[in-house]
Amino acid sequence: MSCPSCEARVERAIKGLEGVAQAGIPLKWTISVMENELSGCNNPLVIPAYGIQKTLVAGDNLVEFTPKQEGLIVYRCWMGMVRSKITVVHDLSRP
């Protein structure tokens, strides 16, 4: 995932896809889902630090928020058993 505009398939969205975003820049994350990929384990997607709980549906699902500060944003399945993270940096143009 490279941001501010990101796309991912649902099976990779929660299972180990880690991304990088820039603080203060709105993030638009599109998660493409096929009907057979939805389950009680991966739905809904939760981003606790931003109060986001996104119920995924077949097709494209848009998750939007603005990372406020540098650090890690954990996202996970609703049960918290499958998780990954987005690293927020000050400036994406700097290595």
PDB file of N, CA and C in Angstrom:
ATOM      1  N   MET A   1       0.856  -1.165   0.000  1.00  0.00           N
ATOM      2  CA  MET A   1       0.000   0.000   0.000  1.00  0.00           C
ATOM      3  C   MET A   1       0.903   1.228   0.000  1.00  0.00           C
ATOM      4  N   SER A   2       0.727   2.083  -0.963  1.00  0.00           N
ATOM      5  CA  SER A   2       1.399   3.380  -0.926  1.00  0.00           C
ATOM      6  C   SER A   2       0.310   4.428  -0.984  1.00  0.00           C
ATOM      7  N   CYS A   3       0.391   5.389  -0.171  1.00  0.00           N
ATOM      8  CA  CYS A   3      -0.719   6.302   0.034  1.00  0.00           C
ATOM      9  C   CYS A   3      -0.365   7.682  -0.472  1.00  0.00           C
ATOM     10  N   PRO A   4      -1.275   8.597  -0.743  1.00  0.00           N
ATOM     11  CA  PRO A   4      -2.586   8.719  -0.138  1.00  0.00           C
ATOM     12  C   PRO A   4      -3.719   7.959  -0.818  1.00  0.00           C
ATOM     13  N   SER A   5      -3.487   7.326  -1.952  1.00  0.00           N
ATOM     14  CA  SER A   5      -4.548   6.551  -2.582  1.00  0.00           C
ATOM     15  C   SER A   5      -4.089   5.104  -2.640  1.00  0.00           C
ATOM     16  N   CYS A   6      -4.815   4.204  -1.995  1.00  0.00           N
ATOM     17  CA  CYS A   6      -4.366   2.835  -1.853  1.00  0.00           C
ATOM     18  C   CYS A   6      -5.446   1.866  -2.311  1.00  0.00           C
ATOM     19  N   GLU A   7      -5.016   0.755  -2.884  1.00  0.00           N
ATOM     20  CA  GLU A   7      -5.953  -0.293  -3.260  1.00  0.00           C
ATOM     21  C   GLU A   7      -5.440  -1.618  -2.733  1.00  0.00           C
ATOM     22  N   ALA A   8      -6.340  -2.492  -2.332  1.00  0.00           N
ATOM     23  CA  ALA A   8      -5.946  -3.810  -1.847  1.00  0.00           C
ATOM     24  C   ALA A   8      -7.122  -4.761  -1.990  1.00  0.00           C
ATOM     25  N   ARG A   9      -6.818  -6.026  -2.160  1.00  0.00           N
ATOM     26  CA  ARG A   9      -7.863  -7.041  -2.120  1.00  0.00           C
ATOM     27  C   ARG A   9      -8.087  -7.374  -0.652  1.00  0.00           C
ATOM     28  N   VAL A  10      -9.281  -7.776  -0.309  1.00  0.00           N
ATOM     29  CA  VAL A  10      -9.629  -7.975   1.101  1.00  0.00           C
ATOM     30  C   VAL A  10      -8.736  -9.015   1.778  1.00  0.00           C
ATOM     31  N   GLU A  11      -8.380 -10.096   1.094  1.00  0.00           N
ATOM     32  CA  GLU A  11      -7.583 -11.127   1.757  1.00  0.00           C
ATOM     33  C   GLU A  11      -6.201 -10.604   2.143  1.00  0.00           C
ATOM     34  N   ARG A  12      -5.704  -9.601   1.444  1.00  0.00           N
ATOM     35  CA  ARG A  12      -4.424  -8.993   1.792  1.00  0.00           C
ATOM     36  C   ARG A  12      -4.613  -7.757   2.659  1.00  0.00           C
ATOM     37  N   ALA A  13      -5.787  -7.199   2.665  1.00  0.00           N
ATOM     38  CA  ALA A  13      -6.010  -5.953   3.403  1.00  0.00           C
ATOM     39  C   ALA A  13      -5.779  -6.132   4.892  1.00  0.00           C
ATOM     40  N   ILE A  14      -6.195  -7.250   5.431  1.00  0.00           N
ATOM     41  CA  ILE A  14      -6.045  -7.470   6.862  1.00  0.00           C
ATOM     42  C   ILE A  14      -4.877  -8.411   7.156  1.00  0.00           C
ATOM     43  N   LYS A  15      -4.599  -9.327   6.262  1.00  0.00           N
ATOM     44  CA  LYS A  15      -3.571 -10.338   6.515  1.00  0.00           C
ATOM     45  C   LYS A  15      -2.204  -9.884   6.029  1.00  0.00           C
ATOM     46  N   GLY A  16      -1.577  -9.004   6.767  1.00  0.00           N
ATOM     47  CA  GLY A  16      -0.180  -8.721   6.533  1.00  0.00           C
ATOM     48  C   GLY A  16       0.166  -7.621   5.559  1.00  0.00           C
ATOM     49  N   LEU A  17      -0.804  -6.929   4.986  1.00  0.00           N
ATOM     50  CA  LEU A  17      -0.469  -5.818   4.106  1.00  0.00           C
ATOM     51  C   LEU A  17      -0.137  -4.625   4.980  1.00  0.00           C
ATOM     52  N   GLU A  18       1.083  -4.167   4.890  1.00  0.00           N
ATOM     53  CA  GLU A  18       1.487  -3.007   5.664  1.00  0.00           C
ATOM     54  C   GLU A  18       1.730  -1.848   4.717  1.00  0.00           C
ATOM     55  N   GLY A  19       1.314  -0.669   5.100  1.00  0.00           N
ATOM     56  CA  GLY A  19       1.434   0.477   4.229  1.00  0.00           C
ATOM     57  C   GLY A  19       2.117   1.645   4.905  1.00  0.00           C
ATOM     58  N   VAL A  20       2.365   2.669   4.101  1.00  0.00           N
ATOM     59  CA  VAL A  20       2.971   3.899   4.587  1.00  0.00           C
ATOM     60  C   VAL A  20       2.099   5.057   4.136  1.00  0.00           C
ATOM     61  N   ALA A  21       1.817   5.971   5.038  1.00  0.00           N
ATOM     62  CA  ALA A  21       1.016   7.155   4.748  1.00  0.00           C
ATOM     63  C   ALA A  21       1.729   8.373   5.326  1.00  0.00           C
ATOM     64  N   GLN A  22       1.298   9.546   4.893  1.00  0.00           N
ATOM     65  CA  GLN A  22       1.893  10.787   5.386  1.00  0.00           C
ATOM     66  C   GLN A  22       0.932  11.476   6.346  1.00  0.00           C
ATOM     67  N   ALA A  23       1.454  11.921   7.474  1.00  0.00           N
ATOM     68  CA  ALA A  23       0.646  12.632   8.459  1.00  0.00           C
ATOM     69  C   ALA A  23       0.059  13.894   7.836  1.00  0.00           C
ATOM     70  N   GLY A  24      -1.218  14.143   8.119  1.00  0.00           N
ATOM     71  CA  GLY A  24      -1.879  15.354   7.657  1.00  0.00           C
ATOM     72  C   GLY A  24      -2.424  15.299   6.243  1.00  0.00           C
ATOM     73  N   ILE A  25      -2.180  14.212   5.527  1.00  0.00           N
ATOM     74  CA  ILE A  25      -2.675  14.063   4.153  1.00  0.00           C
ATOM     75  C   ILE A  25      -3.824  13.055   4.171  1.00  0.00           C
ATOM     76  N   PRO A  26      -5.011  13.425   3.652  1.00  0.00           N
ATOM     77  CA  PRO A  26      -6.136  12.487   3.648  1.00  0.00           C
ATOM     78  C   PRO A  26      -5.775  11.173   2.937  1.00  0.00           C
ATOM     79  N   LEU A  27      -6.148  10.073   3.541  1.00  0.00           N
ATOM     80  CA  LEU A  27      -5.890   8.745   3.018  1.00  0.00           C
ATOM     81  C   LEU A  27      -7.173   8.192   2.418  1.00  0.00           C
ATOM     82  N   LYS A  28      -7.099   7.717   1.193  1.00  0.00           N
ATOM     83  CA  LYS A  28      -8.226   7.046   0.539  1.00  0.00           C
ATOM     84  C   LYS A  28      -7.758   5.631   0.216  1.00  0.00           C
ATOM     85  N   TRP A  29      -8.344   4.662   0.890  1.00  0.00           N
ATOM     86  CA  TRP A  29      -7.929   3.268   0.789  1.00  0.00           C
ATOM     87  C   TRP A  29      -9.092   2.481   0.200  1.00  0.00           C
ATOM     88  N   THR A  30      -8.912   1.949  -1.007  1.00  0.00           N
ATOM     89  CA  THR A  30      -9.940   1.146  -1.659  1.00  0.00           C
ATOM     90  C   THR A  30      -9.627  -0.325  -1.447  1.00  0.00           C
ATOM     91  N   ILE A  31     -10.569  -1.042  -0.875  1.00  0.00           N
ATOM     92  CA  ILE A  31     -10.425  -2.481  -0.673  1.00  0.00           C
ATOM     93  C   ILE A  31     -11.435  -3.171  -1.591  1.00  0.00           C
ATOM     94  N   SER A  32     -10.924  -3.918  -2.562  1.00  0.00           N
ATOM     95  CA  SER A  32     -11.785  -4.639  -3.504  1.00  0.00           C
ATOM     96  C   SER A  32     -12.105  -6.013  -2.928  1.00  0.00           C
ATOM     97  N   VAL A  33     -13.392  -6.348  -2.902  1.00  0.00           N
ATOM     98  CA  VAL A  33     -13.839  -7.578  -2.272  1.00  0.00           C
ATOM     99  C   VAL A  33     -14.709  -8.376  -3.240  1.00  0.00           C
ATOM    100  N   MET A  34     -14.410  -9.664  -3.349  1.00  0.00           N
ATOM    101  CA  MET A  34     -15.288 -10.575  -4.084  1.00  0.00           C
ATOM    102  C   MET A  34     -16.211 -11.226  -3.059  1.00  0.00           C
ATOM    103  N   GLU A  35     -17.409 -11.567  -3.474  1.00  0.00           N
ATOM    104  CA  GLU A  35     -18.416 -12.132  -2.576  1.00  0.00           C
ATOM    105  C   GLU A  35     -17.870 -13.317  -1.776  1.00  0.00           C
ATOM    106  N   ASN A  36     -17.107 -14.194  -2.432  1.00  0.00           N
ATOM    107  CA  ASN A  36     -16.613 -15.397  -1.752  1.00  0.00           C
ATOM    108  C   ASN A  36     -15.474 -15.102  -0.771  1.00  0.00           C
ATOM    109  N   GLU A  37     -14.990 -13.865  -0.713  1.00  0.00           N
ATOM    110  CA  GLU A  37     -13.933 -13.492   0.219  1.00  0.00           C
ATOM    111  C   GLU A  37     -14.471 -12.992   1.562  1.00  0.00           C
ATOM    112  N   LEU A  38     -15.728 -12.631   1.610  1.00  0.00           N
ATOM    113  CA  LEU A  38     -16.311 -12.106   2.845  1.00  0.00           C
ATOM    114  C   LEU A  38     -16.597 -13.230   3.833  1.00  0.00           C
ATOM    115  N   SER A  39     -16.278 -12.977   5.086  1.00  0.00           N
ATOM    116  CA  SER A  39     -16.582 -13.966   6.115  1.00  0.00           C
ATOM    117  C   SER A  39     -16.780 -13.251   7.447  1.00  0.00           C
ATOM    118  N   GLY A  40     -17.233 -13.997   8.415  1.00  0.00           N
ATOM    119  CA  GLY A  40     -17.383 -13.453   9.753  1.00  0.00           C
ATOM    120  C   GLY A  40     -16.047 -13.152  10.409  1.00  0.00           C
ATOM    121  N   CYS A  41     -14.967 -13.668   9.818  1.00  0.00           N
ATOM    122  CA  CYS A  41     -13.635 -13.421  10.386  1.00  0.00           C
ATOM    123  C   CYS A  41     -13.031 -12.109   9.902  1.00  0.00           C
ATOM    124  N   ASN A  42     -13.287 -11.723   8.660  1.00  0.00           N
ATOM    125  CA  ASN A  42     -12.631 -10.528   8.116  1.00  0.00           C
ATOM    126  C   ASN A  42     -13.559  -9.329   7.989  1.00  0.00           C
ATOM    127  N   ASN A  43     -14.743  -9.442   8.505  1.00  0.00           N
ATOM    128  CA  ASN A  43     -15.722  -8.386   8.314  1.00  0.00           C
ATOM    129  C   ASN A  43     -16.444  -8.120   9.632  1.00  0.00           C
ATOM    130  N   PRO A  44     -16.443  -6.913  10.144  1.00  0.00           N
ATOM    131  CA  PRO A  44     -15.938  -5.689   9.542  1.00  0.00           C
ATOM    132  C   PRO A  44     -14.444  -5.458   9.826  1.00  0.00           C
ATOM    133  N   LEU A  45     -13.883  -4.526   9.080  1.00  0.00           N
ATOM    134  CA  LEU A  45     -12.523  -4.035   9.264  1.00  0.00           C
ATOM    135  C   LEU A  45     -12.582  -2.921  10.307  1.00  0.00           C
ATOM    136  N   VAL A  46     -11.647  -2.930  11.256  1.00  0.00           N
ATOM    137  CA  VAL A  46     -11.670  -1.957  12.349  1.00  0.00           C
ATOM    138  C   VAL A  46     -10.335  -1.213  12.416  1.00  0.00           C
ATOM    139  N   ILE A  47     -10.416   0.111  12.552  1.00  0.00           N
ATOM    140  CA  ILE A  47      -9.244   0.948  12.800  1.00  0.00           C
ATOM    141  C   ILE A  47      -9.535   1.671  14.116  1.00  0.00           C
ATOM    142  N   PRO A  48      -9.172   1.047  15.237  1.00  0.00           N
ATOM    143  CA  PRO A  48      -9.561   1.559  16.548  1.00  0.00           C
ATOM    144  C   PRO A  48      -9.145   3.001  16.823  1.00  0.00           C
ATOM    145  N   ALA A  49      -7.943   3.391  16.444  1.00  0.00           N
ATOM    146  CA  ALA A  49      -7.442   4.734  16.766  1.00  0.00           C
ATOM    147  C   ALA A  49      -8.270   5.840  16.125  1.00  0.00           C
ATOM    148  N   TYR A  50      -9.015   5.513  15.077  1.00  0.00           N
ATOM    149  CA  TYR A  50      -9.820   6.517  14.384  1.00  0.00           C
ATOM    150  C   TYR A  50     -11.318   6.239  14.493  1.00  0.00           C
ATOM    151  N   GLY A  51     -11.682   5.283  15.334  1.00  0.00           N
ATOM    152  CA  GLY A  51     -13.092   4.979  15.541  1.00  0.00           C
ATOM    153  C   GLY A  51     -13.777   4.467  14.292  1.00  0.00           C
ATOM    154  N   ILE A  52     -13.033   3.817  13.406  1.00  0.00           N
ATOM    155  CA  ILE A  52     -13.591   3.336  12.140  1.00  0.00           C
ATOM    156  C   ILE A  52     -13.924   1.862  12.253  1.00  0.00           C
ATOM    157  N   GLN A  53     -15.144   1.525  11.874  1.00  0.00           N
ATOM    158  CA  GLN A  53     -15.572   0.142  11.721  1.00  0.00           C
ATOM    159  C   GLN A  53     -16.270   0.075  10.368  1.00  0.00           C
ATOM    160  N   LYS A  54     -15.618  -0.508   9.389  1.00  0.00           N
ATOM    161  CA  LYS A  54     -16.121  -0.530   8.015  1.00  0.00           C
ATOM    162  C   LYS A  54     -16.651  -1.917   7.685  1.00  0.00           C
ATOM    163  N   THR A  55     -17.962  -2.023   7.482  1.00  0.00           N
ATOM    164  CA  THR A  55     -18.557  -3.268   7.034  1.00  0.00           C
ATOM    165  C   THR A  55     -18.267  -3.400   5.545  1.00  0.00           C
ATOM    166  N   LEU A  56     -17.570  -4.468   5.177  1.00  0.00           N
ATOM    167  CA  LEU A  56     -17.179  -4.675   3.788  1.00  0.00           C
ATOM    168  C   LEU A  56     -18.303  -5.358   3.019  1.00  0.00           C
ATOM    169  N   VAL A  57     -18.465  -4.959   1.772  1.00  0.00           N
ATOM    170  CA  VAL A  57     -19.443  -5.556   0.867  1.00  0.00           C
ATOM    171  C   VAL A  57     -18.718  -5.972  -0.403  1.00  0.00           C
ATOM    172  N   ALA A  58     -19.342  -6.839  -1.192  1.00  0.00           N
ATOM    173  CA  ALA A  58     -18.750  -7.238  -2.464  1.00  0.00           C
ATOM    174  C   ALA A  58     -18.593  -5.996  -3.343  1.00  0.00           C
ATOM    175  N   GLY A  59     -17.430  -5.883  -3.993  1.00  0.00           N
ATOM    176  CA  GLY A  59     -17.137  -4.709  -4.815  1.00  0.00           C
ATOM    177  C   GLY A  59     -16.066  -3.863  -4.151  1.00  0.00           C
ATOM    178  N   ASP A  60     -16.025  -2.596  -4.509  1.00  0.00           N
ATOM    179  CA  ASP A  60     -15.028  -1.685  -3.949  1.00  0.00           C
ATOM    180  C   ASP A  60     -15.550  -1.030  -2.676  1.00  0.00           C
ATOM    181  N   ASN A  61     -14.716  -1.013  -1.661  1.00  0.00           N
ATOM    182  CA  ASN A  61     -15.033  -0.411  -0.371  1.00  0.00           C
ATOM    183  C   ASN A  61     -14.014   0.686  -0.104  1.00  0.00           C
ATOM    184  N   LEU A  62     -14.490   1.882   0.152  1.00  0.00           N
ATOM    185  CA  LEU A  62     -13.611   3.014   0.380  1.00  0.00           C
ATOM    186  C   LEU A  62     -13.520   3.329   1.865  1.00  0.00           C
ATOM    187  N   VAL A  63     -12.287   3.397   2.371  1.00  0.00           N
ATOM    188  CA  VAL A  63     -12.026   3.787   3.751  1.00  0.00           C
ATOM    189  C   VAL A  63     -11.238   5.090   3.668  1.00  0.00           C
ATOM    190  N   GLU A  64     -11.749   6.134   4.300  1.00  0.00           N
ATOM    191  CA  GLU A  64     -11.091   7.436   4.251  1.00  0.00           C
ATOM    192  C   GLU A  64     -10.880   7.982   5.655  1.00  0.00           C
ATOM    193  N   PHE A  65      -9.677   8.486   5.886  1.00  0.00           N
ATOM    194  CA  PHE A  65      -9.370   9.195   7.125  1.00  0.00           C
ATOM    195  C   PHE A  65      -8.054   9.940   6.916  1.00  0.00           C
ATOM    196  N   THR A  66      -7.753  10.844   7.821  1.00  0.00           N
ATOM    197  CA  THR A  66      -6.502  11.598   7.740  1.00  0.00           C
ATOM    198  C   THR A  66      -5.620  11.232   8.924  1.00  0.00           C
ATOM    199  N   PRO A  67      -4.486  10.564   8.653  1.00  0.00           N
ATOM    200  CA  PRO A  67      -3.561  10.260   9.750  1.00  0.00           C
ATOM    201  C   PRO A  67      -3.081  11.556  10.401  1.00  0.00           C
ATOM    202  N   LYS A  68      -3.174  11.662  11.699  1.00  0.00           N
ATOM    203  CA  LYS A  68      -2.901  12.924  12.391  1.00  0.00           C
ATOM    204  C   LYS A  68      -1.438  13.112  12.769  1.00  0.00           C
ATOM    205  N   GLN A  69      -0.747  12.023  13.077  1.00  0.00           N
ATOM    206  CA  GLN A  69       0.632  12.165  13.532  1.00  0.00           C
ATOM    207  C   GLN A  69       1.443  10.944  13.125  1.00  0.00           C
ATOM    208  N   GLU A  70       2.760  11.095  13.179  1.00  0.00           N
ATOM    209  CA  GLU A  70       3.657   9.995  12.858  1.00  0.00           C
ATOM    210  C   GLU A  70       3.475   8.862  13.853  1.00  0.00           C
ATOM    211  N   GLY A  71       3.711   7.645  13.385  1.00  0.00           N
ATOM    212  CA  GLY A  71       3.597   6.480  14.253  1.00  0.00           C
ATOM    213  C   GLY A  71       2.908   5.344  13.531  1.00  0.00           C
ATOM    214  N   LEU A  72       2.371   4.410  14.285  1.00  0.00           N
ATOM    215  CA  LEU A  72       1.707   3.245  13.729  1.00  0.00           C
ATOM    216  C   LEU A  72       0.200   3.330  13.935  1.00  0.00           C
ATOM    217  N   ILE A  73      -0.530   2.966  12.894  1.00  0.00           N
ATOM    218  CA  ILE A  73      -1.986   2.830  12.979  1.00  0.00           C
ATOM    219  C   ILE A  73      -2.275   1.352  12.769  1.00  0.00           C
ATOM    220  N   VAL A  74      -2.804   0.711  13.796  1.00  0.00           N
ATOM    221  CA  VAL A  74      -3.145  -0.701  13.700  1.00  0.00           C
ATOM    222  C   VAL A  74      -4.557  -0.821  13.137  1.00  0.00           C
ATOM    223  N   TYR A  75      -4.725  -1.738  12.182  1.00  0.00           N
ATOM    224  CA  TYR A  75      -6.066  -2.084  11.723  1.00  0.00           C
ATOM    225  C   TYR A  75      -6.202  -3.584  11.826  1.00  0.00           C
ATOM    226  N   ARG A  76      -7.458  -4.047  11.962  1.00  0.00           N
ATOM    227  CA  ARG A  76      -7.645  -5.458  12.280  1.00  0.00           C
ATOM    228  C   ARG A  76      -9.038  -5.929  11.922  1.00  0.00           C
ATOM    229  N   CYS A  77      -9.228  -7.223  12.035  1.00  0.00           N
ATOM    230  CA  CYS A  77     -10.572  -7.763  11.944  1.00  0.00           C
ATOM    231  C   CYS A  77     -11.297  -7.396  13.236  1.00  0.00           C
ATOM    232  N   TRP A  78     -12.577  -7.546  13.271  1.00  0.00           N
ATOM    233  CA  TRP A  78     -13.364  -7.127  14.429  1.00  0.00           C
ATOM    234  C   TRP A  78     -13.005  -7.877  15.702  1.00  0.00           C
ATOM    235  N   MET A  79     -12.493  -9.117  15.567  1.00  0.00           N
ATOM    236  CA  MET A  79     -12.132  -9.892  16.752  1.00  0.00           C
ATOM    237  C   MET A  79     -10.717  -9.576  17.235  1.00  0.00           C
ATOM    238  N   GLY A  80      -9.927  -8.892  16.404  1.00  0.00           N
ATOM    239  CA  GLY A  80      -8.572  -8.536  16.788  1.00  0.00           C
ATOM    240  C   GLY A  80      -7.551  -9.633  16.581  1.00  0.00           C
ATOM    241  N   MET A  81      -7.950 -10.726  15.961  1.00  0.00           N
ATOM    242  CA  MET A  81      -7.039 -11.851  15.782  1.00  0.00           C
ATOM    243  C   MET A  81      -6.164 -11.705  14.538  1.00  0.00           C
ATOM    244  N   VAL A  82      -6.660 -11.046  13.530  1.00  0.00           N
ATOM    245  CA  VAL A  82      -5.901 -10.817  12.302  1.00  0.00           C
ATOM    246  C   VAL A  82      -5.689  -9.317  12.209  1.00  0.00           C
ATOM    247  N   ARG A  83      -4.420  -8.908  12.126  1.00  0.00           N
ATOM    248  CA  ARG A  83      -4.146  -7.479  12.168  1.00  0.00           C
ATOM    249  C   ARG A  83      -2.930  -7.132  11.326  1.00  0.00           C
ATOM    250  N   SER A  84      -2.816  -5.855  11.035  1.00  0.00           N
ATOM    251  CA  SER A  84      -1.641  -5.311  10.366  1.00  0.00           C
ATOM    252  C   SER A  84      -1.554  -3.845  10.729  1.00  0.00           C
ATOM    253  N   LYS A  85      -0.710  -3.087  10.003  1.00  0.00           N
ATOM    254  CA  LYS A  85      -0.515  -1.692  10.402  1.00  0.00           C
ATOM    255  C   LYS A  85      -0.178  -0.816   9.210  1.00  0.00           C
ATOM    256  N   ILE A  86      -0.398   0.458   9.422  1.00  0.00           N
ATOM    257  CA  ILE A  86       0.014   1.503   8.491  1.00  0.00           C
ATOM    258  C   ILE A  86       1.018   2.357   9.257  1.00  0.00           C
ATOM    259  N   THR A  87       2.188   2.580   8.662  1.00  0.00           N
ATOM    260  CA  THR A  87       3.187   3.443   9.265  1.00  0.00           C
ATOM    261  C   THR A  87       2.967   4.860   8.754  1.00  0.00           C
ATOM    262  N   VAL A  88       2.816   5.802   9.651  1.00  0.00           N
ATOM    263  CA  VAL A  88       2.607   7.195   9.277  1.00  0.00           C
ATOM    264  C   VAL A  88       3.923   7.942   9.467  1.00  0.00           C
ATOM    265  N   VAL A  89       4.352   8.610   8.383  1.00  0.00           N
ATOM    266  CA  VAL A  89       5.610   9.361   8.409  1.00  0.00           C
ATOM    267  C   VAL A  89       5.329  10.848   8.219  1.00  0.00           C
ATOM    268  N   HIS A  90       6.323  11.661   8.510  1.00  0.00           N
ATOM    269  CA  HIS A  90       6.190  13.104   8.364  1.00  0.00           C
ATOM    270  C   HIS A  90       6.154  13.511   6.892  1.00  0.00           C
ATOM    271  N   ASP A  91       6.976  12.846   6.051  1.00  0.00           N
ATOM    272  CA  ASP A  91       7.110  13.235   4.652  1.00  0.00           C
ATOM    273  C   ASP A  91       7.392  11.993   3.812  1.00  0.00           C
ATOM    274  N   LEU A  92       6.459  11.622   2.932  1.00  0.00           N
ATOM    275  CA  LEU A  92       6.632  10.443   2.079  1.00  0.00           C
ATOM    276  C   LEU A  92       7.789  10.575   1.100  1.00  0.00           C
ATOM    277  N   SER A  93       8.192  11.792   0.793  1.00  0.00           N
ATOM    278  CA  SER A  93       9.252  11.982  -0.199  1.00  0.00           C
ATOM    279  C   SER A  93      10.651  11.752   0.377  1.00  0.00           C
ATOM    280  N   ARG A  94      10.739  11.608   1.687  1.00  0.00           N
ATOM    281  CA  ARG A  94      12.022  11.346   2.342  1.00  0.00           C
ATOM    282  C   ARG A  94      12.159   9.869   2.635  1.00  0.00           C
ATOM    283  N   PRO A  95      13.332   9.308   2.368  1.00  0.00           N
ATOM    284  CA  PRO A  95      13.532   7.862   2.624  1.00  0.00           C
ATOM    285  C   PRO A  95      13.514   7.516   4.094  1.00  0.00           C
TER     286      PRO A  95
END
